[in-house]
Amino acid sequence: MTYILTHKRQILKSASIISIITVVSRILGYVRDQRLTLLLGTTGIADSFVLAYRIPNVLRRLVGEGSMTASFIPVFTDYMRNRSREETWKFANRLFWTFSVALACLTVLCVIFSPLAVRLFSMFGKNQVQVEAIYLNRLMFPYILFIGMAALAMAILNCFHIFGLPAATPILLNVSFIVFSVGLVWKHFSSPAAALAVGVLVGGIFQFFLQVPQLVRRGMSFDFAVSFTDPGVRRVARLMLPGFLGMGIAQINLLVDTIFANAKIMPEGSLVSLYVADRVTELVLGGYAIAIATAILPMMAHQASAGDYEGLKKTFGFSLRIVSFITIPAAVGLVILREPIVQVLFQHGLFVAESTRLTARALLYYSMGLPAFATVKLIVPAFYSTQDTRTPVRVAVVSLLVNVLLNVVFLFYFFPKLRNGGPALASALASYFNVLVLFVVFRLRFGRLGTWEILTSVGKIAICSAVMGAVCWTSLRYSHFDLIEHFLTRLVVFVAMIGGATLTYLGLAWILRCHEIHEVYGIAFRADGSESGKMGLSG
């Protein structure tokens, strides 16, 4: 029992550190996106910027939060457990430079063939949007080289249970973006969009170099050594290549959404509206779901390496319940309060009332998929921790096909009803399909997962969320939010609605004795903290 509590405390402690830093980063990320929408609104040049940024950014998510981290950590933890310190760092050093050389080649190719990449992801789009996007994409694409190296540095530090510094690196990207959005800076560039593109590149450079001192302190030498035949490098590559689909299905679906959002039938600003709506849902995912996923992957990898599959299943089940406790009420709140959220956060400058309506429609459908988006980030690492990438990839391919099919159906048959929300709804439904299939496969392969306990918890969470949703709807209706003109008054009413909804949810969760609220606030602060010393690399 003490062992289980220690693991839960370790997850919660690590996730809390990551979550706090990530929330700070997301707040700065909001300022970044607010500057983007204020300067560019939902105009054609805004669509061009988002299209140009999305290509390297999706690769960043695949590498930074996806296949590189998920593929490297199980192999590196195996070296830490079974090899000497010298062998472990020799492997890490070789992988770093091999990966960097591969990324450098990819960067050069993508800069050269930027027109092809842009047209591929906007095949139904408008010509002027593509022309601007090609120029902006070439400015910022080298960002992927530095952010890829930063992702590998983050993975190494996570294996030593160092989460704070790596989680803080996105703050530098946001700060750089904000600095380059200031009038004194962007006026020295050909356009605000070009300045923002350079800001992305500079931010990526700083994200890597911030982690270098900590790596050196741990034992990284950075001696140049490229090897495509090293056994450890090959093991990571075998896990990583198919992992682009398995771990990054949400990001690949985002690219599919980009293609359909650029259709000529779509209203101008559709791509920006999807970007902003995705960023709002990412605030919830980044606040705790990604934090939990980041914390549990090294733990599950250690458990799998030690053959402790019962511990691995308990770690996954616990994390799933905790994330559901956050994302289900968040999804309900986002669906009901979507327009006030977009109005308060983004309706400034060139982002006008029509921009709000466009974005709120996309946010409605993305919000519906929030629990699925979060669960994918938990269940795929569970497979990865056992060094199984084939299963997530096979399911991901089918899920991708489901997303494409739904996008086609929504675009050609339901466009008058869904409009720019079609791609968001397709992604949400495809993610639920992905989660359901993976959960069934995981259950059949590893046995009981405590499904009844999970369903009981979700049922209680759903009841609390439904009551909270009713409170949100009532407060929105009787506050006459749309008629409030002054921003400060609108902000006060908005904060009151959010605060009231949160207190309602937490109060009901306490009354219904939801285990999650007790685990988060009880286990995390239990007095037997001395046991945490047992939770080292030996797992």
Protein backbone atom coordinates (compact mmCIF):
# COMPACT_ATOMS: atom_id res chain seq x y z
CA MET A 1 0.00 0.00 0.00
CA THR A 2 2.83 2.36 0.91
CA TYR A 3 4.45 1.54 -2.44
CA ILE A 4 1.27 2.53 -4.31
CA LEU A 5 0.91 5.76 -2.32
CA THR A 6 4.54 6.61 -2.99
CA HIS A 7 4.03 6.21 -6.74
CA LYS A 8 0.84 8.30 -6.64
CA ARG A 9 2.62 11.01 -4.66
CA GLN A 10 5.54 10.98 -7.09
CA ILE A 11 3.16 11.40 -10.05
CA LEU A 12 1.23 14.19 -8.34
CA LYS A 13 4.37 15.98 -7.17
CA SER A 14 6.00 15.83 -10.60
CA ALA A 15 2.75 16.74 -12.35
CA SER A 16 2.20 19.66 -9.98
CA ILE A 17 5.65 21.09 -10.71
CA ILE A 18 5.13 20.68 -14.44
CA SER A 19 1.58 22.00 -14.19
CA ILE A 20 2.49 25.18 -12.32
CA ILE A 21 5.25 26.02 -14.77
CA THR A 22 3.09 25.05 -17.72
CA VAL A 23 0.23 27.25 -16.53
CA VAL A 24 2.67 30.19 -16.41
CA SER A 25 3.79 29.26 -19.91
CA ARG A 26 0.19 28.98 -21.11
CA ILE A 27 -0.65 32.40 -19.67
CA LEU A 28 2.27 33.85 -21.62
CA GLY A 29 1.08 31.74 -24.54
CA TYR A 30 -2.29 33.44 -24.28
CA VAL A 31 -0.57 36.84 -24.36
CA ARG A 32 1.34 35.62 -27.41
CA ASP A 33 -1.83 34.52 -29.21
CA GLN A 34 -3.64 37.68 -28.14
CA ARG A 35 -0.85 39.72 -29.73
CA LEU A 36 -1.17 37.63 -32.89
CA THR A 37 -4.93 38.14 -33.16
CA LEU A 38 -4.67 41.81 -32.22
CA LEU A 39 -2.10 42.50 -34.95
CA LEU A 40 -3.51 40.21 -37.67
CA GLY A 41 -7.13 39.46 -36.65
CA THR A 42 -8.85 36.83 -38.82
CA THR A 43 -7.53 38.25 -42.08
CA GLY A 44 -5.88 36.45 -44.97
CA ILE A 45 -2.36 37.26 -43.70
CA ALA A 46 -3.34 35.73 -40.35
CA ASP A 47 -4.33 32.54 -42.15
CA SER A 48 -0.98 32.63 -43.95
CA PHE A 49 0.95 32.97 -40.69
CA VAL A 50 -0.93 30.14 -39.00
CA LEU A 51 -0.44 27.90 -42.05
CA ALA A 52 3.30 28.69 -42.15
CA TYR A 53 3.69 28.16 -38.40
CA ARG A 54 1.61 25.00 -38.21
CA ILE A 55 3.97 22.88 -40.33
CA PRO A 56 7.10 23.20 -38.11
CA ASN A 57 4.94 23.44 -34.99
CA VAL A 58 3.24 20.11 -35.66
CA LEU A 59 6.67 18.56 -36.18
CA ARG A 60 7.69 20.17 -32.88
CA ARG A 61 4.76 18.57 -31.11
CA LEU A 62 5.47 15.21 -32.69
CA VAL A 63 9.11 15.43 -31.58
CA GLY A 64 8.87 17.38 -28.33
CA GLU A 65 5.72 15.85 -26.86
CA GLY A 66 5.57 12.76 -29.01
CA SER A 67 7.65 10.10 -30.61
CA MET A 68 11.16 11.28 -29.66
CA THR A 69 10.37 11.58 -25.96
CA ALA A 70 8.22 8.44 -25.87
CA SER A 71 10.77 6.37 -27.84
CA PHE A 72 13.92 7.60 -26.12
CA ILE A 73 12.84 7.35 -22.48
CA PRO A 74 12.22 3.55 -22.35
CA VAL A 75 15.59 2.88 -24.02
CA PHE A 76 17.51 5.38 -21.90
CA THR A 77 15.97 4.10 -18.64
CA ASP A 78 16.97 0.57 -19.69
CA TYR A 79 20.57 1.78 -20.14
CA MET A 80 20.43 3.51 -16.75
CA ARG A 81 19.25 0.32 -15.08
CA ASN A 82 21.38 -2.26 -16.87
CA ARG A 83 24.47 -0.49 -18.26
CA SER A 84 27.38 1.44 -16.82
CA ARG A 85 27.30 5.21 -16.50
CA GLU A 86 29.92 5.54 -19.26
CA GLU A 87 27.89 3.41 -21.70
CA THR A 88 24.70 5.31 -20.87
CA TRP A 89 26.16 8.72 -21.64
CA LYS A 90 27.99 7.44 -24.71
CA PHE A 91 24.64 6.29 -26.09
CA ALA A 92 22.96 9.61 -25.21
CA ASN A 93 25.77 11.57 -26.85
CA ARG A 94 25.64 9.55 -30.07
CA LEU A 95 21.87 9.81 -30.29
CA PHE A 96 21.97 13.57 -29.72
CA TRP A 97 24.34 14.25 -32.63
CA THR A 98 22.78 11.66 -34.94
CA PHE A 99 19.34 13.12 -34.31
CA SER A 100 20.66 16.68 -34.75
CA VAL A 101 22.25 15.86 -38.12
CA ALA A 102 19.01 14.23 -39.31
CA LEU A 103 17.02 17.29 -38.19
CA ALA A 104 19.47 19.64 -39.91
CA CYS A 105 19.01 17.76 -43.20
CA LEU A 106 15.23 17.85 -42.75
CA THR A 107 15.39 21.59 -42.09
CA VAL A 108 17.39 22.32 -45.24
CA LEU A 109 15.07 20.19 -47.38
CA CYS A 110 11.95 21.81 -45.95
CA VAL A 111 13.29 25.33 -46.51
CA ILE A 112 14.12 24.46 -50.12
CA PHE A 113 10.82 22.71 -50.76
CA SER A 114 8.70 25.07 -48.67
CA PRO A 115 6.35 25.83 -51.62
CA LEU A 116 5.57 22.12 -51.95
CA ALA A 117 4.93 21.72 -48.20
CA VAL A 118 2.67 24.76 -48.03
CA ARG A 119 0.66 23.73 -51.08
CA LEU A 120 0.36 20.19 -49.75
CA PHE A 121 -1.29 21.43 -46.55
CA SER A 122 -3.46 23.98 -48.33
CA MET A 123 -4.35 22.05 -51.45
CA PHE A 124 -7.87 23.48 -51.47
CA GLY A 125 -6.71 26.95 -50.43
CA LYS A 126 -6.44 30.45 -51.83
CA ASN A 127 -3.33 31.39 -53.84
CA GLN A 128 -2.53 34.61 -51.96
CA VAL A 129 -2.60 32.80 -48.63
CA GLN A 130 -0.13 30.25 -50.01
CA VAL A 131 2.30 32.87 -51.35
CA GLU A 132 2.56 34.67 -48.02
CA ALA A 133 2.78 31.37 -46.13
CA ILE A 134 5.76 30.16 -48.17
CA TYR A 135 7.80 33.26 -47.27
CA LEU A 136 6.90 33.05 -43.57
CA ASN A 137 7.51 29.30 -43.45
CA ARG A 138 11.06 29.71 -44.76
CA LEU A 139 11.77 32.32 -42.09
CA MET A 140 10.74 30.16 -39.17
CA PHE A 141 11.39 26.56 -40.23
CA PRO A 142 14.94 26.32 -38.77
CA TYR A 143 13.09 26.49 -35.45
CA ILE A 144 12.47 22.73 -35.73
CA LEU A 145 16.22 21.99 -35.52
CA PHE A 146 16.65 23.71 -32.16
CA ILE A 147 13.34 22.59 -30.70
CA GLY A 148 14.18 19.00 -31.65
CA MET A 149 17.45 19.19 -29.73
CA ALA A 150 15.56 20.79 -26.84
CA ALA A 151 13.10 17.88 -26.86
CA LEU A 152 15.89 15.32 -26.52
CA ALA A 153 17.45 17.36 -23.70
CA MET A 154 14.05 17.42 -21.99
CA ALA A 155 13.70 13.63 -22.30
CA ILE A 156 17.12 13.03 -20.72
CA LEU A 157 16.37 15.34 -17.79
CA ASN A 158 12.94 13.75 -17.29
CA CYS A 159 14.64 10.37 -16.81
CA PHE A 160 16.42 11.89 -13.82
CA HIS A 161 13.03 13.15 -12.58
CA ILE A 162 13.99 16.73 -13.43
CA PHE A 163 10.76 18.23 -14.77
CA GLY A 164 10.78 21.89 -13.77
CA LEU A 165 13.50 23.25 -16.06
CA PRO A 166 12.36 21.41 -19.24
CA ALA A 167 8.74 22.43 -18.59
CA ALA A 168 9.87 26.06 -18.29
CA THR A 169 11.52 26.26 -21.73
CA PRO A 170 8.33 27.12 -23.69
CA ILE A 171 8.21 30.32 -21.63
CA LEU A 172 11.20 31.53 -23.64
CA LEU A 173 9.36 30.95 -26.92
CA ASN A 174 6.38 32.94 -25.69
CA VAL A 175 8.53 35.78 -24.39
CA SER A 176 10.44 35.95 -27.68
CA PHE A 177 7.20 36.01 -29.67
CA ILE A 178 5.77 38.78 -27.47
CA VAL A 179 8.93 40.88 -27.78
CA PHE A 180 8.87 40.63 -31.57
CA SER A 181 5.17 41.62 -31.57
CA VAL A 182 5.92 44.99 -29.95
CA GLY A 183 5.71 47.92 -32.34
CA LEU A 184 9.28 49.09 -31.67
CA VAL A 185 10.51 45.72 -32.95
CA TRP A 186 8.16 44.63 -35.74
CA LYS A 187 8.38 48.01 -37.49
CA HIS A 188 11.94 47.06 -38.48
CA PHE A 189 10.59 44.11 -40.52
CA SER A 190 8.64 44.02 -43.75
CA SER A 191 5.43 43.18 -41.87
CA PRO A 192 4.21 42.20 -38.37
CA ALA A 193 3.86 38.61 -39.60
CA ALA A 194 7.54 38.47 -40.63
CA ALA A 195 8.62 39.78 -37.23
CA LEU A 196 6.54 37.15 -35.47
CA ALA A 197 8.12 34.43 -37.63
CA VAL A 198 11.62 35.52 -36.56
CA GLY A 199 10.40 35.61 -32.96
CA VAL A 200 9.46 31.93 -33.23
CA LEU A 201 12.96 31.02 -34.45
CA VAL A 202 14.74 33.00 -31.71
CA GLY A 203 12.52 31.41 -29.07
CA GLY A 204 13.40 27.91 -30.28
CA ILE A 205 17.13 28.64 -30.04
CA PHE A 206 16.83 29.75 -26.42
CA GLN A 207 14.71 26.71 -25.50
CA PHE A 208 17.63 24.39 -26.25
CA PHE A 209 20.49 26.39 -24.75
CA LEU A 210 18.66 26.88 -21.44
CA GLN A 211 18.93 23.14 -20.76
CA VAL A 212 22.57 22.65 -21.72
CA PRO A 213 24.12 23.52 -18.32
CA GLN A 214 21.89 21.02 -16.50
CA LEU A 215 22.78 18.30 -19.03
CA VAL A 216 26.49 18.95 -18.60
CA ARG A 217 26.06 18.83 -14.84
CA ARG A 218 24.47 15.38 -15.14
CA GLY A 219 27.25 14.00 -17.33
CA MET A 220 26.58 14.95 -20.97
CA SER A 221 29.81 15.76 -22.81
CA PHE A 222 28.46 16.83 -26.25
CA ASP A 223 31.51 15.32 -28.00
CA PHE A 224 30.60 15.12 -31.68
CA ALA A 225 29.77 11.51 -32.61
CA VAL A 226 27.32 10.46 -35.31
CA SER A 227 26.38 6.80 -35.56
CA PHE A 228 23.45 5.28 -37.42
CA THR A 229 24.63 1.78 -36.49
CA ASP A 230 24.82 2.17 -32.70
CA PRO A 231 22.45 -0.44 -31.16
CA GLY A 232 20.83 2.12 -28.84
CA VAL A 233 20.32 4.63 -31.65
CA ARG A 234 18.77 1.94 -33.82
CA ARG A 235 16.43 0.88 -31.01
CA VAL A 236 15.19 4.44 -30.61
CA ALA A 237 14.80 4.80 -34.38
CA ARG A 238 12.78 1.59 -34.60
CA LEU A 239 10.44 2.92 -31.93
CA MET A 240 10.39 6.48 -33.21
CA LEU A 241 9.66 6.11 -36.91
CA PRO A 242 6.27 4.42 -36.52
CA GLY A 243 5.71 6.53 -33.43
CA PHE A 244 5.12 9.65 -35.48
CA LEU A 245 1.70 8.19 -36.19
CA GLY A 246 1.04 6.49 -32.87
CA MET A 247 1.94 9.32 -30.50
CA GLY A 248 1.22 12.18 -32.85
CA ILE A 249 -2.17 11.24 -34.23
CA ALA A 250 -3.72 14.38 -32.74
CA GLN A 251 -1.12 16.52 -34.50
CA ILE A 252 -1.50 14.68 -37.80
CA ASN A 253 -5.24 15.16 -37.49
CA LEU A 254 -4.50 18.85 -36.97
CA LEU A 255 -2.72 18.93 -40.32
CA VAL A 256 -5.70 17.21 -41.90
CA ASP A 257 -7.89 19.90 -40.35
CA THR A 258 -5.56 22.52 -41.84
CA ILE A 259 -6.08 21.14 -45.33
CA PHE A 260 -9.86 21.21 -45.05
CA ALA A 261 -9.95 24.54 -43.19
CA ASN A 262 -8.18 26.08 -46.20
CA ALA A 263 -10.94 25.02 -48.60
CA LYS A 264 -12.11 27.90 -50.76
CA ILE A 265 -15.67 27.45 -49.52
CA MET A 266 -14.56 28.21 -45.96
CA PRO A 267 -14.97 31.81 -44.69
CA GLU A 268 -11.84 33.93 -44.40
CA GLY A 269 -10.15 33.45 -41.07
CA SER A 270 -11.24 29.82 -40.67
CA LEU A 271 -7.69 28.61 -40.12
CA VAL A 272 -7.03 31.28 -37.49
CA SER A 273 -10.30 30.44 -35.74
CA LEU A 274 -9.29 26.77 -35.53
CA TYR A 275 -5.84 27.77 -34.28
CA VAL A 276 -7.24 29.98 -31.51
CA ALA A 277 -9.85 27.37 -30.52
CA ASP A 278 -7.14 24.71 -30.38
CA ARG A 279 -5.01 27.01 -28.21
CA VAL A 280 -7.87 27.44 -25.73
CA THR A 281 -8.28 23.66 -25.39
CA GLU A 282 -4.49 23.31 -25.14
CA LEU A 283 -4.62 25.57 -22.08
CA VAL A 284 -6.49 22.77 -20.30
CA LEU A 285 -4.35 19.98 -21.78
CA GLY A 286 -1.13 21.81 -20.95
CA GLY A 287 -2.31 22.78 -17.51
CA TYR A 288 -2.58 19.22 -16.19
CA ALA A 289 -3.15 16.51 -18.80
CA ILE A 290 0.23 16.93 -20.51
CA ALA A 291 1.80 17.42 -17.08
CA ILE A 292 0.46 14.04 -15.92
CA ALA A 293 1.50 12.37 -19.19
CA THR A 294 5.02 13.80 -18.90
CA ALA A 295 5.34 12.60 -15.32
CA ILE A 296 4.01 9.05 -15.83
CA LEU A 297 6.01 8.05 -18.92
CA PRO A 298 9.39 7.70 -17.13
CA MET A 299 7.63 5.96 -14.22
CA MET A 300 5.83 3.46 -16.49
CA ALA A 301 9.07 2.88 -18.40
CA HIS A 302 10.86 1.99 -15.15
CA GLN A 303 7.96 -0.29 -14.15
CA ALA A 304 7.93 -2.04 -17.54
CA SER A 305 11.72 -2.45 -17.44
CA ALA A 306 11.39 -4.11 -14.01
CA GLY A 307 8.53 -6.35 -15.21
CA ASP A 308 6.09 -4.68 -12.81
CA TYR A 309 3.03 -4.70 -15.10
CA GLU A 310 0.59 -4.55 -12.19
CA GLY A 311 2.23 -1.33 -11.06
CA LEU A 312 2.15 -0.03 -14.63
CA LYS A 313 -1.61 -0.67 -14.88
CA LYS A 314 -2.26 1.05 -11.55
CA THR A 315 -0.19 4.04 -12.65
CA PHE A 316 -2.18 4.31 -15.88
CA GLY A 317 -5.58 3.87 -14.19
CA PHE A 318 -4.79 6.44 -11.53
CA SER A 319 -3.58 8.97 -14.12
CA LEU A 320 -6.67 8.42 -16.27
CA ARG A 321 -8.99 9.16 -13.36
CA ILE A 322 -7.07 12.28 -12.37
CA VAL A 323 -7.09 13.64 -15.93
CA SER A 324 -10.80 12.88 -16.33
CA PHE A 325 -11.45 14.82 -13.14
CA ILE A 326 -9.95 17.90 -14.85
CA THR A 327 -10.94 17.55 -18.50
CA ILE A 328 -14.61 16.51 -18.30
CA PRO A 329 -15.79 19.60 -16.38
CA ALA A 330 -13.43 21.73 -18.47
CA ALA A 331 -15.09 20.43 -21.64
CA VAL A 332 -18.57 21.22 -20.27
CA GLY A 333 -17.50 24.71 -19.25
CA LEU A 334 -15.87 25.43 -22.60
CA VAL A 335 -18.95 24.29 -24.53
CA ILE A 336 -21.36 26.49 -22.56
CA LEU A 337 -19.15 29.54 -22.05
CA ARG A 338 -17.33 29.40 -25.39
CA GLU A 339 -18.42 32.82 -26.66
CA PRO A 340 -17.70 34.72 -23.41
CA ILE A 341 -14.30 33.00 -23.22
CA VAL A 342 -13.33 34.07 -26.75
CA GLN A 343 -14.77 37.56 -26.24
CA VAL A 344 -12.84 38.23 -23.06
CA LEU A 345 -9.58 36.63 -24.16
CA PHE A 346 -9.28 37.73 -27.79
CA GLN A 347 -11.83 40.32 -28.96
CA HIS A 348 -9.42 43.24 -29.31
CA GLY A 349 -7.84 45.14 -32.21
CA LEU A 350 -8.50 43.44 -35.55
CA PHE A 351 -10.18 40.49 -33.80
CA VAL A 352 -13.80 41.68 -34.01
CA ALA A 353 -17.24 40.28 -33.13
CA GLU A 354 -17.41 38.18 -36.30
CA SER A 355 -14.00 36.72 -35.41
CA THR A 356 -15.42 35.72 -32.03
CA ARG A 357 -18.40 33.93 -33.57
CA LEU A 358 -16.13 32.11 -36.02
CA THR A 359 -13.76 30.98 -33.25
CA ALA A 360 -16.53 30.03 -30.80
CA ARG A 361 -17.99 27.64 -33.38
CA ALA A 362 -14.66 25.83 -33.72
CA LEU A 363 -14.17 25.85 -29.93
CA LEU A 364 -17.56 24.14 -29.45
CA TYR A 365 -16.43 21.04 -31.34
CA TYR A 366 -12.85 20.96 -30.10
CA SER A 367 -14.17 21.16 -26.53
CA MET A 368 -16.31 18.09 -27.06
CA GLY A 369 -13.16 16.12 -27.84
CA LEU A 370 -11.11 17.42 -24.90
CA PRO A 371 -11.36 14.24 -22.74
CA ALA A 372 -10.31 12.12 -25.72
CA PHE A 373 -7.40 14.41 -26.62
CA ALA A 374 -6.15 14.10 -23.05
CA THR A 375 -6.61 10.33 -22.79
CA VAL A 376 -4.61 9.72 -25.97
CA LYS A 377 -1.65 11.42 -24.27
CA LEU A 378 -1.90 8.85 -21.46
CA ILE A 379 -2.71 5.58 -23.18
CA VAL A 380 -0.16 5.79 -26.00
CA PRO A 381 2.76 6.23 -23.56
CA ALA A 382 1.44 3.15 -21.75
CA PHE A 383 2.12 1.13 -24.91
CA TYR A 384 5.40 2.95 -25.48
CA SER A 385 6.62 2.14 -21.99
CA THR A 386 6.55 -1.55 -23.00
CA GLN A 387 8.39 -0.61 -26.25
CA ASP A 388 5.31 -1.45 -28.33
CA THR A 389 4.83 1.15 -31.06
CA ARG A 390 3.11 -1.05 -33.62
CA THR A 391 -0.27 -1.18 -31.91
CA PRO A 392 -0.69 2.61 -31.53
CA VAL A 393 0.43 3.08 -35.12
CA ARG A 394 -2.05 0.61 -36.56
CA VAL A 395 -4.90 2.15 -34.62
CA ALA A 396 -3.67 5.64 -35.50
CA VAL A 397 -3.77 4.89 -39.22
CA VAL A 398 -7.39 3.78 -38.99
CA SER A 399 -8.21 6.81 -36.84
CA LEU A 400 -6.58 9.08 -39.41
CA LEU A 401 -8.71 7.57 -42.15
CA VAL A 402 -11.80 8.12 -39.99
CA ASN A 403 -10.83 11.77 -39.60
CA VAL A 404 -10.33 12.27 -43.34
CA LEU A 405 -13.65 10.57 -44.12
CA LEU A 406 -15.51 12.68 -41.58
CA ASN A 407 -13.91 15.87 -42.91
CA VAL A 408 -15.05 15.02 -46.43
CA VAL A 409 -18.57 14.26 -45.26
CA PHE A 410 -18.80 17.42 -43.14
CA LEU A 411 -17.38 19.65 -45.90
CA PHE A 412 -19.59 18.41 -48.72
CA TYR A 413 -22.81 17.46 -46.91
CA PHE A 414 -23.00 19.38 -43.62
CA PHE A 415 -21.16 22.62 -44.42
CA PRO A 416 -24.23 24.92 -44.03
CA LYS A 417 -24.66 23.60 -40.47
CA LEU A 418 -21.06 23.11 -39.32
CA ARG A 419 -19.16 25.62 -41.48
CA ASN A 420 -15.61 26.12 -40.09
CA GLY A 421 -16.41 23.79 -37.17
CA GLY A 422 -16.38 20.67 -39.38
CA PRO A 423 -12.63 19.95 -39.08
CA ALA A 424 -12.77 20.36 -35.29
CA LEU A 425 -15.70 17.93 -34.94
CA ALA A 426 -13.96 15.40 -37.21
CA SER A 427 -10.83 15.51 -35.03
CA ALA A 428 -12.87 15.08 -31.85
CA LEU A 429 -14.75 12.03 -33.13
CA ALA A 430 -11.59 10.45 -34.56
CA SER A 431 -9.86 10.86 -31.19
CA TYR A 432 -12.68 9.11 -29.35
CA PHE A 433 -12.39 6.24 -31.82
CA ASN A 434 -8.63 6.10 -31.24
CA VAL A 435 -9.00 6.02 -27.44
CA LEU A 436 -11.71 3.37 -27.43
CA VAL A 437 -9.78 0.94 -29.61
CA LEU A 438 -6.50 1.42 -27.73
CA PHE A 439 -8.21 0.98 -24.36
CA VAL A 440 -9.81 -2.30 -25.46
CA VAL A 441 -6.49 -3.61 -26.82
CA PHE A 442 -4.62 -2.60 -23.66
CA ARG A 443 -7.25 -4.31 -21.51
CA LEU A 444 -7.10 -7.54 -23.55
CA ARG A 445 -3.30 -7.60 -23.48
CA PHE A 446 -2.56 -6.73 -19.86
CA GLY A 447 -5.72 -7.83 -18.07
CA ARG A 448 -7.90 -5.95 -15.62
CA LEU A 449 -7.37 -2.19 -15.49
CA GLY A 450 -9.88 -1.39 -12.78
CA THR A 451 -12.42 -0.47 -15.47
CA TRP A 452 -15.34 -0.51 -13.02
CA GLU A 453 -13.52 1.86 -10.68
CA ILE A 454 -12.70 4.15 -13.62
CA LEU A 455 -16.32 4.13 -14.85
CA THR A 456 -17.63 4.80 -11.34
CA SER A 457 -15.30 7.78 -11.03
CA VAL A 458 -16.26 9.07 -14.48
CA GLY A 459 -19.95 8.70 -13.58
CA LYS A 460 -19.53 10.86 -10.47
CA ILE A 461 -17.46 13.36 -12.43
CA ALA A 462 -20.17 13.51 -15.10
CA ILE A 463 -22.87 14.25 -12.50
CA CYS A 464 -20.80 17.03 -10.94
CA SER A 465 -20.01 18.42 -14.40
CA ALA A 466 -23.69 18.39 -15.45
CA VAL A 467 -24.73 20.40 -12.39
CA MET A 468 -21.81 22.76 -12.94
CA GLY A 469 -22.93 23.14 -16.57
CA ALA A 470 -26.43 24.07 -15.43
CA VAL A 471 -24.92 26.76 -13.19
CA CYS A 472 -22.86 28.07 -16.13
CA TRP A 473 -25.90 28.21 -18.43
CA THR A 474 -28.06 29.95 -15.82
CA SER A 475 -25.42 32.55 -14.97
CA LEU A 476 -24.78 33.23 -18.66
CA ARG A 477 -28.47 33.67 -19.40
CA TYR A 478 -29.32 35.98 -16.50
CA SER A 479 -26.13 38.03 -16.56
CA HIS A 480 -26.98 39.28 -20.10
CA PHE A 481 -23.30 39.00 -20.91
CA ASP A 482 -23.68 39.99 -24.57
CA LEU A 483 -25.17 43.35 -23.58
CA ILE A 484 -22.23 44.36 -21.38
CA GLU A 485 -20.13 46.93 -23.24
CA HIS A 486 -17.32 47.88 -20.85
CA PHE A 487 -14.44 45.40 -20.84
CA LEU A 488 -13.71 45.67 -17.11
CA THR A 489 -17.34 44.93 -16.18
CA ARG A 490 -17.39 42.06 -18.64
CA LEU A 491 -14.18 40.67 -17.15
CA VAL A 492 -15.56 40.82 -13.58
CA VAL A 493 -18.76 39.01 -14.59
CA PHE A 494 -16.75 36.42 -16.52
CA VAL A 495 -14.43 35.71 -13.57
CA ALA A 496 -17.48 35.42 -11.30
CA MET A 497 -19.08 32.87 -13.62
CA ILE A 498 -15.89 30.79 -13.82
CA GLY A 499 -15.34 31.01 -10.08
CA GLY A 500 -18.91 30.04 -9.28
CA ALA A 501 -18.76 27.07 -11.67
CA THR A 502 -15.45 25.87 -10.21
CA LEU A 503 -16.68 26.08 -6.61
CA THR A 504 -19.88 24.25 -7.58
CA TYR A 505 -17.94 21.43 -9.20
CA LEU A 506 -15.42 21.02 -6.39
CA GLY A 507 -18.15 21.21 -3.74
CA LEU A 508 -20.20 18.49 -5.41
CA ALA A 509 -17.09 16.35 -5.93
CA TRP A 510 -16.40 16.62 -2.20
CA ILE A 511 -20.00 15.75 -1.29
CA LEU A 512 -20.06 12.75 -3.65
CA ARG A 513 -16.69 11.64 -2.26
CA CYS A 514 -14.90 11.56 -5.60
CA HIS A 515 -11.63 9.75 -4.91
CA GLU A 516 -9.71 12.09 -7.16
CA ILE A 517 -10.23 15.19 -5.04
CA HIS A 518 -9.05 13.29 -1.96
CA GLU A 519 -6.06 11.85 -3.81
CA VAL A 520 -4.94 15.19 -5.17
CA TYR A 521 -5.35 17.09 -1.91
CA GLY A 522 -4.76 14.20 0.48
CA ILE A 523 -2.02 11.92 -0.83
CA ALA A 524 0.03 14.84 -2.14
CA PHE A 525 0.30 16.29 1.36
CA ARG A 526 0.28 13.12 3.50
CA ALA A 527 2.84 13.20 6.26
CA ASP A 528 4.67 10.00 5.40
CA GLY A 529 6.87 11.83 2.92
CA SER A 530 9.91 9.89 4.01
CA GLU A 531 8.82 7.09 1.77
CA SER A 532 9.51 9.15 -1.28
CA GLY A 533 13.14 8.31 -0.95
CA LYS A 534 12.32 4.79 -2.05
CA MET A 535 11.14 6.05 -5.40
CA GLY A 536 14.44 6.41 -7.17
CA LEU A 537 15.53 5.24 -10.58
CA SER A 538 15.05 1.71 -9.45
CA GLY A 539 11.28 2.34 -9.57
